[in-house]
Amino acid sequence: MIEPRIEGKTLILEIKGVDKIWTLKGHLEIPLEHIKSVRTDSEIVKSYLGGVKVAGARIPNVIKAGTFIEHEGKIFWDVHKPEVVVVLELNNENYSELVIEVADPAKFTEDLLNALNA
């Protein structure tokens, strides 16, 4: 699970618990100006299980976490529960997308959109 927070003009994503091991990361920092779009998407995990794992773990119907090369480019995943997934499309970053699990996707999406529009 990811614990997101916005500090100034930066989105900070703290990776919690054992997911630090699965993703091989402790946190990500993304300048708000590099976020192209944000959306909730509970279907993405069901619809696309492919990609080449660079680092991390993939156990079908259990977890997809880490760095994967997919048709959109390099994508960071940290998902156990598809119903709480948020997808961030990025510009000028190491990753083209982040597919992450957060506790409250609707609130996170609203807060992030408000920060992006401020």
PDB file of N, CA and C in Angstrom:
ATOM      1  N   MET A   1       0.846  -1.184   0.000  1.00  0.00           N
ATOM      2  CA  MET A   1       0.000   0.000   0.000  1.00  0.00           C
ATOM      3  C   MET A   1       0.884   1.237   0.000  1.00  0.00           C
ATOM      4  N   ILE A   2       0.364   2.251  -0.609  1.00  0.00           N
ATOM      5  CA  ILE A   2       1.055   3.538  -0.709  1.00  0.00           C
ATOM      6  C   ILE A   2       0.331   4.556   0.171  1.00  0.00           C
ATOM      7  N   GLU A   3       1.103   5.325   0.899  1.00  0.00           N
ATOM      8  CA  GLU A   3       0.551   6.442   1.663  1.00  0.00           C
ATOM      9  C   GLU A   3       0.992   7.733   0.966  1.00  0.00           C
ATOM     10  N   PRO A   4       0.056   8.401   0.279  1.00  0.00           N
ATOM     11  CA  PRO A   4       0.422   9.614  -0.461  1.00  0.00           C
ATOM     12  C   PRO A   4       0.290  10.872   0.391  1.00  0.00           C
ATOM     13  N   ARG A   5       1.111  11.859   0.064  1.00  0.00           N
ATOM     14  CA  ARG A   5       0.950  13.193   0.650  1.00  0.00           C
ATOM     15  C   ARG A   5       1.517  14.209  -0.334  1.00  0.00           C
ATOM     16  N   ILE A   6       0.994  15.406  -0.241  1.00  0.00           N
ATOM     17  CA  ILE A   6       1.463  16.496  -1.096  1.00  0.00           C
ATOM     18  C   ILE A   6       2.168  17.493  -0.199  1.00  0.00           C
ATOM     19  N   GLU A   7       3.414  17.771  -0.546  1.00  0.00           N
ATOM     20  CA  GLU A   7       4.202  18.765   0.171  1.00  0.00           C
ATOM     21  C   GLU A   7       4.645  19.819  -0.831  1.00  0.00           C
ATOM     22  N   GLY A   8       4.069  21.003  -0.708  1.00  0.00           N
ATOM     23  CA  GLY A   8       4.393  22.066  -1.651  1.00  0.00           C
ATOM     24  C   GLY A   8       3.980  21.677  -3.054  1.00  0.00           C
ATOM     25  N   LYS A   9       4.944  21.598  -3.943  1.00  0.00           N
ATOM     26  CA  LYS A   9       4.681  21.253  -5.343  1.00  0.00           C
ATOM     27  C   LYS A   9       5.162  19.841  -5.681  1.00  0.00           C
ATOM     28  N   THR A  10       5.213  18.970  -4.643  1.00  0.00           N
ATOM     29  CA  THR A  10       5.712  17.608  -4.826  1.00  0.00           C
ATOM     30  C   THR A  10       4.738  16.592  -4.257  1.00  0.00           C
ATOM     31  N   LEU A  11       4.472  15.543  -5.018  1.00  0.00           N
ATOM     32  CA  LEU A  11       3.710  14.398  -4.535  1.00  0.00           C
ATOM     33  C   LEU A  11       4.707  13.396  -3.978  1.00  0.00           C
ATOM     34  N   ILE A  12       4.511  13.026  -2.730  1.00  0.00           N
ATOM     35  CA  ILE A  12       5.380  12.040  -2.090  1.00  0.00           C
ATOM     36  C   ILE A  12       4.550  10.787  -1.851  1.00  0.00           C
ATOM     37  N   LEU A  13       5.058   9.669  -2.323  1.00  0.00           N
ATOM     38  CA  LEU A  13       4.388   8.386  -2.181  1.00  0.00           C
ATOM     39  C   LEU A  13       5.253   7.496  -1.297  1.00  0.00           C
ATOM     40  N   GLU A  14       4.811   7.296  -0.060  1.00  0.00           N
ATOM     41  CA  GLU A  14       5.533   6.429   0.881  1.00  0.00           C
ATOM     42  C   GLU A  14       5.027   5.003   0.703  1.00  0.00           C
ATOM     43  N   ILE A  15       5.935   4.103   0.442  1.00  0.00           N
ATOM     44  CA  ILE A  15       5.587   2.699   0.277  1.00  0.00           C
ATOM     45  C   ILE A  15       5.664   2.053   1.651  1.00  0.00           C
ATOM     46  N   LYS A  16       4.586   1.404   2.044  1.00  0.00           N
ATOM     47  CA  LYS A  16       4.455   0.901   3.402  1.00  0.00           C
ATOM     48  C   LYS A  16       4.662  -0.609   3.494  1.00  0.00           C
ATOM     49  N   GLY A  17       5.121  -1.015   4.666  1.00  0.00           N
ATOM     50  CA  GLY A  17       5.206  -2.424   5.007  1.00  0.00           C
ATOM     51  C   GLY A  17       6.093  -3.237   4.097  1.00  0.00           C
ATOM     52  N   VAL A  18       5.673  -4.463   3.890  1.00  0.00           N
ATOM     53  CA  VAL A  18       6.448  -5.414   3.088  1.00  0.00           C
ATOM     54  C   VAL A  18       6.500  -5.009   1.615  1.00  0.00           C
ATOM     55  N   ASP A  19       5.625  -4.083   1.212  1.00  0.00           N
ATOM     56  CA  ASP A  19       5.666  -3.611  -0.175  1.00  0.00           C
ATOM     57  C   ASP A  19       6.994  -2.949  -0.517  1.00  0.00           C
ATOM     58  N   LYS A  20       7.700  -2.449   0.486  1.00  0.00           N
ATOM     59  CA  LYS A  20       9.043  -1.900   0.242  1.00  0.00           C
ATOM     60  C   LYS A  20       9.961  -2.984  -0.326  1.00  0.00           C
ATOM     61  N   ILE A  21       9.785  -4.190   0.160  1.00  0.00           N
ATOM     62  CA  ILE A  21      10.599  -5.315  -0.332  1.00  0.00           C
ATOM     63  C   ILE A  21      10.155  -5.703  -1.735  1.00  0.00           C
ATOM     64  N   TRP A  22       8.830  -5.828  -1.935  1.00  0.00           N
ATOM     65  CA  TRP A  22       8.310  -6.239  -3.242  1.00  0.00           C
ATOM     66  C   TRP A  22       8.685  -5.240  -4.341  1.00  0.00           C
ATOM     67  N   THR A  23       8.583  -3.930  -4.034  1.00  0.00           N
ATOM     68  CA  THR A  23       8.829  -2.914  -5.057  1.00  0.00           C
ATOM     69  C   THR A  23      10.297  -2.497  -5.153  1.00  0.00           C
ATOM     70  N   LEU A  24      11.080  -2.848  -4.138  1.00  0.00           N
ATOM     71  CA  LEU A  24      12.485  -2.447  -4.036  1.00  0.00           C
ATOM     72  C   LEU A  24      12.623  -0.925  -3.935  1.00  0.00           C
ATOM     73  N   LYS A  25      11.617  -0.283  -3.334  1.00  0.00           N
ATOM     74  CA  LYS A  25      11.624   1.174  -3.142  1.00  0.00           C
ATOM     75  C   LYS A  25      10.989   1.498  -1.800  1.00  0.00           C
ATOM     76  N   GLY A  26      11.412   2.620  -1.210  1.00  0.00           N
ATOM     77  CA  GLY A  26      10.815   3.099   0.021  1.00  0.00           C
ATOM     78  C   GLY A  26       9.849   4.237  -0.219  1.00  0.00           C
ATOM     79  N   HIS A  27      10.117   5.024  -1.244  1.00  0.00           N
ATOM     80  CA  HIS A  27       9.233   6.132  -1.587  1.00  0.00           C
ATOM     81  C   HIS A  27       9.536   6.642  -2.990  1.00  0.00           C
ATOM     82  N   LEU A  28       8.593   7.405  -3.514  1.00  0.00           N
ATOM     83  CA  LEU A  28       8.764   8.087  -4.793  1.00  0.00           C
ATOM     84  C   LEU A  28       8.401   9.550  -4.580  1.00  0.00           C
ATOM     85  N   GLU A  29       9.110  10.444  -5.247  1.00  0.00           N
ATOM     86  CA  GLU A  29       8.794  11.868  -5.220  1.00  0.00           C
ATOM     87  C   GLU A  29       8.597  12.337  -6.654  1.00  0.00           C
ATOM     88  N   ILE A  30       7.427  12.918  -6.903  1.00  0.00           N
ATOM     89  CA  ILE A  30       7.066  13.356  -8.249  1.00  0.00           C
ATOM     90  C   ILE A  30       6.679  14.834  -8.198  1.00  0.00           C
ATOM     91  N   PRO A  31       7.367  15.699  -8.942  1.00  0.00           N
ATOM     92  CA  PRO A  31       6.921  17.088  -9.020  1.00  0.00           C
ATOM     93  C   PRO A  31       5.509  17.136  -9.614  1.00  0.00           C
ATOM     94  N   LEU A  32       4.641  17.933  -9.026  1.00  0.00           N
ATOM     95  CA  LEU A  32       3.258  18.011  -9.522  1.00  0.00           C
ATOM     96  C   LEU A  32       3.211  18.375 -11.000  1.00  0.00           C
ATOM     97  N   GLU A  33       4.137  19.195 -11.457  1.00  0.00           N
ATOM     98  CA  GLU A  33       4.137  19.606 -12.865  1.00  0.00           C
ATOM     99  C   GLU A  33       4.429  18.453 -13.824  1.00  0.00           C
ATOM    100  N   HIS A  34       4.898  17.315 -13.311  1.00  0.00           N
ATOM    101  CA  HIS A  34       5.175  16.152 -14.153  1.00  0.00           C
ATOM    102  C   HIS A  34       3.993  15.183 -14.235  1.00  0.00           C
ATOM    103  N   ILE A  35       2.914  15.492 -13.519  1.00  0.00           N
ATOM    104  CA  ILE A  35       1.738  14.622 -13.539  1.00  0.00           C
ATOM    105  C   ILE A  35       0.807  15.082 -14.659  1.00  0.00           C
ATOM    106  N   LYS A  36       0.650  14.204 -15.647  1.00  0.00           N
ATOM    107  CA  LYS A  36      -0.179  14.511 -16.820  1.00  0.00           C
ATOM    108  C   LYS A  36      -1.651  14.246 -16.538  1.00  0.00           C
ATOM    109  N   SER A  37      -1.950  13.155 -15.826  1.00  0.00           N
ATOM    110  CA  SER A  37      -3.337  12.839 -15.496  1.00  0.00           C
ATOM    111  C   SER A  37      -3.372  11.893 -14.306  1.00  0.00           C
ATOM    112  N   VAL A  38      -4.544  11.838 -13.678  1.00  0.00           N
ATOM    113  CA  VAL A  38      -4.777  10.930 -12.554  1.00  0.00           C
ATOM    114  C   VAL A  38      -6.197  10.394 -12.680  1.00  0.00           C
ATOM    115  N   ARG A  39      -6.351   9.101 -12.410  1.00  0.00           N
ATOM    116  CA  ARG A  39      -7.687   8.501 -12.481  1.00  0.00           C
ATOM    117  C   ARG A  39      -7.747   7.269 -11.586  1.00  0.00           C
ATOM    118  N   THR A  40      -8.929   6.972 -11.090  1.00  0.00           N
ATOM    119  CA  THR A  40      -9.132   5.688 -10.428  1.00  0.00           C
ATOM    120  C   THR A  40      -9.383   4.664 -11.532  1.00  0.00           C
ATOM    121  N   ASP A  41      -8.953   3.435 -11.312  1.00  0.00           N
ATOM    122  CA  ASP A  41      -9.101   2.424 -12.361  1.00  0.00           C
ATOM    123  C   ASP A  41      -9.036   1.030 -11.750  1.00  0.00           C
ATOM    124  N   SER A  42     -10.184   0.530 -11.338  1.00  0.00           N
ATOM    125  CA  SER A  42     -10.219  -0.802 -10.720  1.00  0.00           C
ATOM    126  C   SER A  42     -10.098  -1.933 -11.738  1.00  0.00           C
ATOM    127  N   GLU A  43     -10.180  -1.622 -13.011  1.00  0.00           N
ATOM    128  CA  GLU A  43     -10.125  -2.644 -14.059  1.00  0.00           C
ATOM    129  C   GLU A  43      -8.728  -2.879 -14.626  1.00  0.00           C
ATOM    130  N   ILE A  44      -7.790  -1.975 -14.391  1.00  0.00           N
ATOM    131  CA  ILE A  44      -6.484  -2.064 -15.041  1.00  0.00           C
ATOM    132  C   ILE A  44      -5.757  -3.357 -14.682  1.00  0.00           C
ATOM    133  N   VAL A  45      -5.884  -3.792 -13.451  1.00  0.00           N
ATOM    134  CA  VAL A  45      -5.200  -5.015 -13.022  1.00  0.00           C
ATOM    135  C   VAL A  45      -5.794  -6.230 -13.720  1.00  0.00           C
ATOM    136  N   LYS A  46      -7.107  -6.241 -13.870  1.00  0.00           N
ATOM    137  CA  LYS A  46      -7.783  -7.368 -14.514  1.00  0.00           C
ATOM    138  C   LYS A  46      -7.515  -7.400 -16.015  1.00  0.00           C
ATOM    139  N   SER A  47      -7.417  -6.212 -16.619  1.00  0.00           N
ATOM    140  CA  SER A  47      -7.317  -6.145 -18.075  1.00  0.00           C
ATOM    141  C   SER A  47      -5.901  -6.279 -18.607  1.00  0.00           C
ATOM    142  N   TYR A  48      -4.904  -6.029 -17.762  1.00  0.00           N
ATOM    143  CA  TYR A  48      -3.540  -6.090 -18.281  1.00  0.00           C
ATOM    144  C   TYR A  48      -2.600  -6.697 -17.252  1.00  0.00           C
ATOM    145  N   LEU A  49      -2.231  -7.934 -17.451  1.00  0.00           N
ATOM    146  CA  LEU A  49      -1.331  -8.640 -16.538  1.00  0.00           C
ATOM    147  C   LEU A  49       0.041  -8.866 -17.154  1.00  0.00           C
ATOM    148  N   GLY A  50       0.290  -8.284 -18.315  1.00  0.00           N
ATOM    149  CA  GLY A  50       1.531  -8.519 -19.026  1.00  0.00           C
ATOM    150  C   GLY A  50       2.660  -7.638 -18.551  1.00  0.00           C
ATOM    151  N   GLY A  51       3.594  -7.443 -19.422  1.00  0.00           N
ATOM    152  CA  GLY A  51       4.759  -6.625 -19.106  1.00  0.00           C
ATOM    153  C   GLY A  51       5.938  -7.478 -18.704  1.00  0.00           C
ATOM    154  N   VAL A  52       7.105  -6.919 -18.919  1.00  0.00           N
ATOM    155  CA  VAL A  52       8.343  -7.594 -18.554  1.00  0.00           C
ATOM    156  C   VAL A  52       8.784  -7.047 -17.209  1.00  0.00           C
ATOM    157  N   LYS A  53       8.925  -7.924 -16.237  1.00  0.00           N
ATOM    158  CA  LYS A  53       9.336  -7.505 -14.907  1.00  0.00           C
ATOM    159  C   LYS A  53      10.816  -7.145 -14.929  1.00  0.00           C
ATOM    160  N   VAL A  54      11.126  -5.926 -14.510  1.00  0.00           N
ATOM    161  CA  VAL A  54      12.508  -5.475 -14.381  1.00  0.00           C
ATOM    162  C   VAL A  54      12.984  -5.750 -12.966  1.00  0.00           C
ATOM    163  N   ALA A  55      12.159  -5.362 -11.989  1.00  0.00           N
ATOM    164  CA  ALA A  55      12.465  -5.589 -10.577  1.00  0.00           C
ATOM    165  C   ALA A  55      11.158  -5.603  -9.817  1.00  0.00           C
ATOM    166  N   GLY A  56      10.961  -6.582  -8.962  1.00  0.00           N
ATOM    167  CA  GLY A  56       9.743  -6.635  -8.175  1.00  0.00           C
ATOM    168  C   GLY A  56       9.134  -8.017  -8.166  1.00  0.00           C
ATOM    169  N   ALA A  57       7.799  -8.040  -8.007  1.00  0.00           N
ATOM    170  CA  ALA A  57       7.085  -9.312  -7.870  1.00  0.00           C
ATOM    171  C   ALA A  57       5.786  -9.274  -8.660  1.00  0.00           C
ATOM    172  N   ARG A  58       5.430 -10.439  -9.201  1.00  0.00           N
ATOM    173  CA  ARG A  58       4.135 -10.591  -9.862  1.00  0.00           C
ATOM    174  C   ARG A  58       3.624 -11.983  -9.538  1.00  0.00           C
ATOM    175  N   ILE A  59       2.544 -12.009  -8.760  1.00  0.00           N
ATOM    176  CA  ILE A  59       1.857 -13.252  -8.445  1.00  0.00           C
ATOM    177  C   ILE A  59       0.407 -13.025  -8.856  1.00  0.00           C
ATOM    178  N   PRO A  60      -0.045 -13.665  -9.947  1.00  0.00           N
ATOM    179  CA  PRO A  60      -1.392 -13.406 -10.460  1.00  0.00           C
ATOM    180  C   PRO A  60      -2.462 -13.494  -9.370  1.00  0.00           C
ATOM    181  N   ASN A  61      -3.358 -12.506  -9.369  1.00  0.00           N
ATOM    182  CA  ASN A  61      -4.470 -12.376  -8.424  1.00  0.00           C
ATOM    183  C   ASN A  61      -4.031 -12.149  -6.981  1.00  0.00           C
ATOM    184  N   VAL A  62      -2.747 -11.832  -6.770  1.00  0.00           N
ATOM    185  CA  VAL A  62      -2.249 -11.569  -5.414  1.00  0.00           C
ATOM    186  C   VAL A  62      -1.543 -10.226  -5.355  1.00  0.00           C
ATOM    187  N   ILE A  63      -0.515 -10.029  -6.193  1.00  0.00           N
ATOM    188  CA  ILE A  63       0.262  -8.792  -6.148  1.00  0.00           C
ATOM    189  C   ILE A  63       0.961  -8.555  -7.481  1.00  0.00           C
ATOM    190  N   LYS A  64       1.048  -7.309  -7.835  1.00  0.00           N
ATOM    191  CA  LYS A  64       1.940  -6.864  -8.903  1.00  0.00           C
ATOM    192  C   LYS A  64       2.626  -5.633  -8.348  1.00  0.00           C
ATOM    193  N   ALA A  65       3.930  -5.734  -8.135  1.00  0.00           N
ATOM    194  CA  ALA A  65       4.667  -4.659  -7.482  1.00  0.00           C
ATOM    195  C   ALA A  65       6.072  -4.571  -8.047  1.00  0.00           C
ATOM    196  N   GLY A  66       6.506  -3.347  -8.302  1.00  0.00           N
ATOM    197  CA  GLY A  66       7.850  -3.105  -8.807  1.00  0.00           C
ATOM    198  C   GLY A  66       7.825  -2.414 -10.147  1.00  0.00           C
ATOM    199  N   THR A  67       8.899  -2.575 -10.882  1.00  0.00           N
ATOM    200  CA  THR A  67       9.076  -1.911 -12.172  1.00  0.00           C
ATOM    201  C   THR A  67       8.869  -2.911 -13.301  1.00  0.00           C
ATOM    202  N   PHE A  68       8.022  -2.527 -14.251  1.00  0.00           N
ATOM    203  CA  PHE A  68       7.694  -3.373 -15.396  1.00  0.00           C
ATOM    204  C   PHE A  68       7.803  -2.551 -16.676  1.00  0.00           C
ATOM    205  N   ILE A  69       8.256  -3.189 -17.742  1.00  0.00           N
ATOM    206  CA  ILE A  69       8.260  -2.564 -19.063  1.00  0.00           C
ATOM    207  C   ILE A  69       7.009  -3.065 -19.771  1.00  0.00           C
ATOM    208  N   GLU A  70       6.164  -2.121 -20.162  1.00  0.00           N
ATOM    209  CA  GLU A  70       4.909  -2.453 -20.815  1.00  0.00           C
ATOM    210  C   GLU A  70       4.779  -1.598 -22.059  1.00  0.00           C
ATOM    211  N   HIS A  71       3.687  -1.737 -22.773  1.00  0.00           N
ATOM    212  CA  HIS A  71       3.536  -1.009 -24.038  1.00  0.00           C
ATOM    213  C   HIS A  71       3.575   0.502 -23.856  1.00  0.00           C
ATOM    214  N   GLU A  72       3.254   1.022 -22.661  1.00  0.00           N
ATOM    215  CA  GLU A  72       3.304   2.463 -22.413  1.00  0.00           C
ATOM    216  C   GLU A  72       4.700   2.929 -22.012  1.00  0.00           C
ATOM    217  N   GLY A  73       5.602   2.013 -21.753  1.00  0.00           N
ATOM    218  CA  GLY A  73       6.939   2.358 -21.277  1.00  0.00           C
ATOM    219  C   GLY A  73       7.205   1.709 -19.939  1.00  0.00           C
ATOM    220  N   LYS A  74       8.040   2.342 -19.134  1.00  0.00           N
ATOM    221  CA  LYS A  74       8.381   1.815 -17.816  1.00  0.00           C
ATOM    222  C   LYS A  74       7.299   2.239 -16.821  1.00  0.00           C
ATOM    223  N   ILE A  75       6.706   1.253 -16.146  1.00  0.00           N
ATOM    224  CA  ILE A  75       5.580   1.510 -15.246  1.00  0.00           C
ATOM    225  C   ILE A  75       5.896   0.954 -13.862  1.00  0.00           C
ATOM    226  N   PHE A  76       5.591   1.756 -12.848  1.00  0.00           N
ATOM    227  CA  PHE A  76       5.732   1.330 -11.464  1.00  0.00           C
ATOM    228  C   PHE A  76       4.375   0.835 -10.979  1.00  0.00           C
ATOM    229  N   TRP A  77       4.356  -0.368 -10.433  1.00  0.00           N
ATOM    230  CA  TRP A  77       3.140  -0.977  -9.892  1.00  0.00           C
ATOM    231  C   TRP A  77       3.312  -1.227  -8.401  1.00  0.00           C
ATOM    232  N   ASP A  78       2.249  -1.024  -7.637  1.00  0.00           N
ATOM    233  CA  ASP A  78       2.158  -1.514  -6.261  1.00  0.00           C
ATOM    234  C   ASP A  78       0.687  -1.740  -5.968  1.00  0.00           C
ATOM    235  N   VAL A  79       0.206  -2.950  -6.317  1.00  0.00           N
ATOM    236  CA  VAL A  79      -1.220  -3.260  -6.246  1.00  0.00           C
ATOM    237  C   VAL A  79      -1.441  -4.647  -5.664  1.00  0.00           C
ATOM    238  N   HIS A  80      -2.309  -4.705  -4.652  1.00  0.00           N
ATOM    239  CA  HIS A  80      -2.849  -5.956  -4.121  1.00  0.00           C
ATOM    240  C   HIS A  80      -4.350  -6.025  -4.403  1.00  0.00           C
ATOM    241  N   LYS A  81      -5.041  -4.896  -4.165  1.00  0.00           N
ATOM    242  CA  LYS A  81      -6.500  -4.834  -4.275  1.00  0.00           C
ATOM    243  C   LYS A  81      -6.888  -3.911  -5.445  1.00  0.00           C
ATOM    244  N   PRO A  82      -7.378  -4.466  -6.536  1.00  0.00           N
ATOM    245  CA  PRO A  82      -7.724  -3.652  -7.701  1.00  0.00           C
ATOM    246  C   PRO A  82      -8.772  -2.574  -7.421  1.00  0.00           C
ATOM    247  N   GLU A  83      -9.625  -2.778  -6.438  1.00  0.00           N
ATOM    248  CA  GLU A  83     -10.699  -1.813  -6.178  1.00  0.00           C
ATOM    249  C   GLU A  83     -10.200  -0.483  -5.611  1.00  0.00           C
ATOM    250  N   VAL A  84      -8.951  -0.399  -5.200  1.00  0.00           N
ATOM    251  CA  VAL A  84      -8.422   0.859  -4.648  1.00  0.00           C
ATOM    252  C   VAL A  84      -7.211   1.361  -5.441  1.00  0.00           C
ATOM    253  N   VAL A  85      -7.254   1.183  -6.753  1.00  0.00           N
ATOM    254  CA  VAL A  85      -6.129   1.548  -7.620  1.00  0.00           C
ATOM    255  C   VAL A  85      -6.323   2.937  -8.228  1.00  0.00           C
ATOM    256  N   VAL A  86      -5.213   3.665  -8.256  1.00  0.00           N
ATOM    257  CA  VAL A  86      -5.146   4.956  -8.923  1.00  0.00           C
ATOM    258  C   VAL A  86      -4.014   4.885  -9.942  1.00  0.00           C
ATOM    259  N   VAL A  87      -4.237   5.450 -11.118  1.00  0.00           N
ATOM    260  CA  VAL A  87      -3.225   5.477 -12.173  1.00  0.00           C
ATOM    261  C   VAL A  87      -2.816   6.930 -12.403  1.00  0.00           C
ATOM    262  N   LEU A  88      -1.508   7.164 -12.353  1.00  0.00           N
ATOM    263  CA  LEU A  88      -0.954   8.492 -12.637  1.00  0.00           C
ATOM    264  C   LEU A  88      -0.137   8.396 -13.909  1.00  0.00           C
ATOM    265  N   GLU A  89      -0.473   9.206 -14.899  1.00  0.00           N
ATOM    266  CA  GLU A  89       0.336   9.304 -16.112  1.00  0.00           C
ATOM    267  C   GLU A  89       1.312  10.450 -15.911  1.00  0.00           C
ATOM    268  N   LEU A  90       2.589  10.205 -16.264  1.00  0.00           N
ATOM    269  CA  LEU A  90       3.644  11.172 -15.988  1.00  0.00           C
ATOM    270  C   LEU A  90       4.352  11.638 -17.250  1.00  0.00           C
ATOM    271  N   ASN A  91       4.921  12.831 -17.160  1.00  0.00           N
ATOM    272  CA  ASN A  91       5.817  13.389 -18.175  1.00  0.00           C
ATOM    273  C   ASN A  91       7.177  13.626 -17.523  1.00  0.00           C
ATOM    274  N   ASN A  92       8.238  13.486 -18.295  1.00  0.00           N
ATOM    275  CA  ASN A  92       9.590  13.834 -17.841  1.00  0.00           C
ATOM    276  C   ASN A  92      10.008  13.122 -16.559  1.00  0.00           C
ATOM    277  N   GLU A  93       9.611  11.868 -16.419  1.00  0.00           N
ATOM    278  CA  GLU A  93       9.960  11.070 -15.249  1.00  0.00           C
ATOM    279  C   GLU A  93      10.541   9.739 -15.704  1.00  0.00           C
ATOM    280  N   ASN A  94      11.162   9.054 -14.766  1.00  0.00           N
ATOM    281  CA  ASN A  94      11.703   7.723 -15.019  1.00  0.00           C
ATOM    282  C   ASN A  94      10.590   6.750 -15.429  1.00  0.00           C
ATOM    283  N   TYR A  95       9.408   6.932 -14.854  1.00  0.00           N
ATOM    284  CA  TYR A  95       8.254   6.081 -15.157  1.00  0.00           C
ATOM    285  C   TYR A  95       7.261   6.859 -16.011  1.00  0.00           C
ATOM    286  N   SER A  96       6.621   6.171 -16.957  1.00  0.00           N
ATOM    287  CA  SER A  96       5.556   6.819 -17.738  1.00  0.00           C
ATOM    288  C   SER A  96       4.233   6.753 -16.996  1.00  0.00           C
ATOM    289  N   GLU A  97       4.077   5.755 -16.122  1.00  0.00           N
ATOM    290  CA  GLU A  97       2.870   5.619 -15.315  1.00  0.00           C
ATOM    291  C   GLU A  97       3.205   5.033 -13.955  1.00  0.00           C
ATOM    292  N   LEU A  98       2.348   5.383 -12.986  1.00  0.00           N
ATOM    293  CA  LEU A  98       2.363   4.750 -11.676  1.00  0.00           C
ATOM    294  C   LEU A  98       0.990   4.125 -11.494  1.00  0.00           C
ATOM    295  N   VAL A  99       0.950   2.849 -11.178  1.00  0.00           N
ATOM    296  CA  VAL A  99      -0.302   2.149 -10.891  1.00  0.00           C
ATOM    297  C   VAL A  99      -0.188   1.734  -9.435  1.00  0.00           C
ATOM    298  N   ILE A 100      -0.928   2.453  -8.570  1.00  0.00           N
ATOM    299  CA  ILE A 100      -0.720   2.303  -7.135  1.00  0.00           C
ATOM    300  C   ILE A 100      -2.021   2.071  -6.387  1.00  0.00           C
ATOM    301  N   GLU A 101      -1.889   1.425  -5.251  1.00  0.00           N
ATOM    302  CA  GLU A 101      -3.004   1.181  -4.351  1.00  0.00           C
ATOM    303  C   GLU A 101      -2.937   2.196  -3.216  1.00  0.00           C
ATOM    304  N   VAL A 102      -4.044   2.893  -2.992  1.00  0.00           N
ATOM    305  CA  VAL A 102      -4.135   3.850  -1.888  1.00  0.00           C
ATOM    306  C   VAL A 102      -5.397   3.532  -1.084  1.00  0.00           C
ATOM    307  N   ALA A 103      -5.433   3.962   0.170  1.00  0.00           N
ATOM    308  CA  ALA A 103      -6.559   3.627   1.048  1.00  0.00           C
ATOM    309  C   ALA A 103      -7.877   4.211   0.556  1.00  0.00           C
ATOM    310  N   ASP A 104      -7.854   5.455   0.073  1.00  0.00           N
ATOM    311  CA  ASP A 104      -9.078   6.128  -0.366  1.00  0.00           C
ATOM    312  C   ASP A 104      -8.826   6.768  -1.734  1.00  0.00           C
ATOM    313  N   PRO A 105      -9.021   6.005  -2.814  1.00  0.00           N
ATOM    314  CA  PRO A 105      -8.699   6.516  -4.145  1.00  0.00           C
ATOM    315  C   PRO A 105      -9.491   7.766  -4.535  1.00  0.00           C
ATOM    316  N   ALA A 106     -10.746   7.858  -4.156  1.00  0.00           N
ATOM    317  CA  ALA A 106     -11.544   9.031  -4.531  1.00  0.00           C
ATOM    318  C   ALA A 106     -10.988  10.288  -3.862  1.00  0.00           C
ATOM    319  N   LYS A 107     -10.683  10.224  -2.574  1.00  0.00           N
ATOM    320  CA  LYS A 107     -10.143  11.384  -1.864  1.00  0.00           C
ATOM    321  C   LYS A 107      -8.764  11.759  -2.387  1.00  0.00           C
ATOM    322  N   PHE A 108      -7.910  10.748  -2.596  1.00  0.00           N
ATOM    323  CA  PHE A 108      -6.570  11.020  -3.121  1.00  0.00           C
ATOM    324  C   PHE A 108      -6.659  11.696  -4.485  1.00  0.00           C
ATOM    325  N   THR A 109      -7.512  11.183  -5.364  1.00  0.00           N
ATOM    326  CA  THR A 109      -7.660  11.752  -6.699  1.00  0.00           C
ATOM    327  C   THR A 109      -8.162  13.187  -6.618  1.00  0.00           C
ATOM    328  N   GLU A 110      -9.167  13.427  -5.766  1.00  0.00           N
ATOM    329  CA  GLU A 110      -9.692  14.785  -5.604  1.00  0.00           C
ATOM    330  C   GLU A 110      -8.626  15.739  -5.064  1.00  0.00           C
ATOM    331  N   ASP A 111      -7.904  15.307  -4.019  1.00  0.00           N
ATOM    332  CA  ASP A 111      -6.858  16.153  -3.435  1.00  0.00           C
ATOM    333  C   ASP A 111      -5.762  16.467  -4.458  1.00  0.00           C
ATOM    334  N   LEU A 112      -5.365  15.443  -5.230  1.00  0.00           N
ATOM    335  CA  LEU A 112      -4.302  15.646  -6.217  1.00  0.00           C
ATOM    336  C   LEU A 112      -4.775  16.562  -7.337  1.00  0.00           C
ATOM    337  N   LEU A 113      -5.994  16.382  -7.820  1.00  0.00           N
ATOM    338  CA  LEU A 113      -6.517  17.267  -8.866  1.00  0.00           C
ATOM    339  C   LEU A 113      -6.610  18.703  -8.368  1.00  0.00           C
ATOM    340  N   ASN A 114      -7.013  18.886  -7.115  1.00  0.00           N
ATOM    341  CA  ASN A 114      -7.047  20.240  -6.532  1.00  0.00           C
ATOM    342  C   ASN A 114      -5.655  20.849  -6.489  1.00  0.00           C
ATOM    343  N   ALA A 115      -4.663  20.075  -6.098  1.00  0.00           N
ATOM    344  CA  ALA A 115      -3.284  20.564  -6.045  1.00  0.00           C
ATOM    345  C   ALA A 115      -2.764  20.889  -7.447  1.00  0.00           C
ATOM    346  N   LEU A 116      -3.104  20.059  -8.420  1.00  0.00           N
ATOM    347  CA  LEU A 116      -2.667  20.299  -9.796  1.00  0.00           C
ATOM    348  C   LEU A 116      -3.298  21.551 -10.385  1.00  0.00           C
ATOM    349  N   ASN A 117      -4.523  21.852  -9.976  1.00  0.00           N
ATOM    350  CA  ASN A 117      -5.230  23.015 -10.509  1.00  0.00           C
ATOM    351  C   ASN A 117      -4.975  24.292  -9.724  1.00  0.00           C
ATOM    352  N   ALA A 118      -4.240  24.196  -8.612  1.00  0.00           N
ATOM    353  CA  ALA A 118      -3.972  25.378  -7.779  1.00  0.00           C
ATOM    354  C   ALA A 118      -2.924  26.270  -8.406  1.00  0.00           C
TER     355      ALA A 118
END
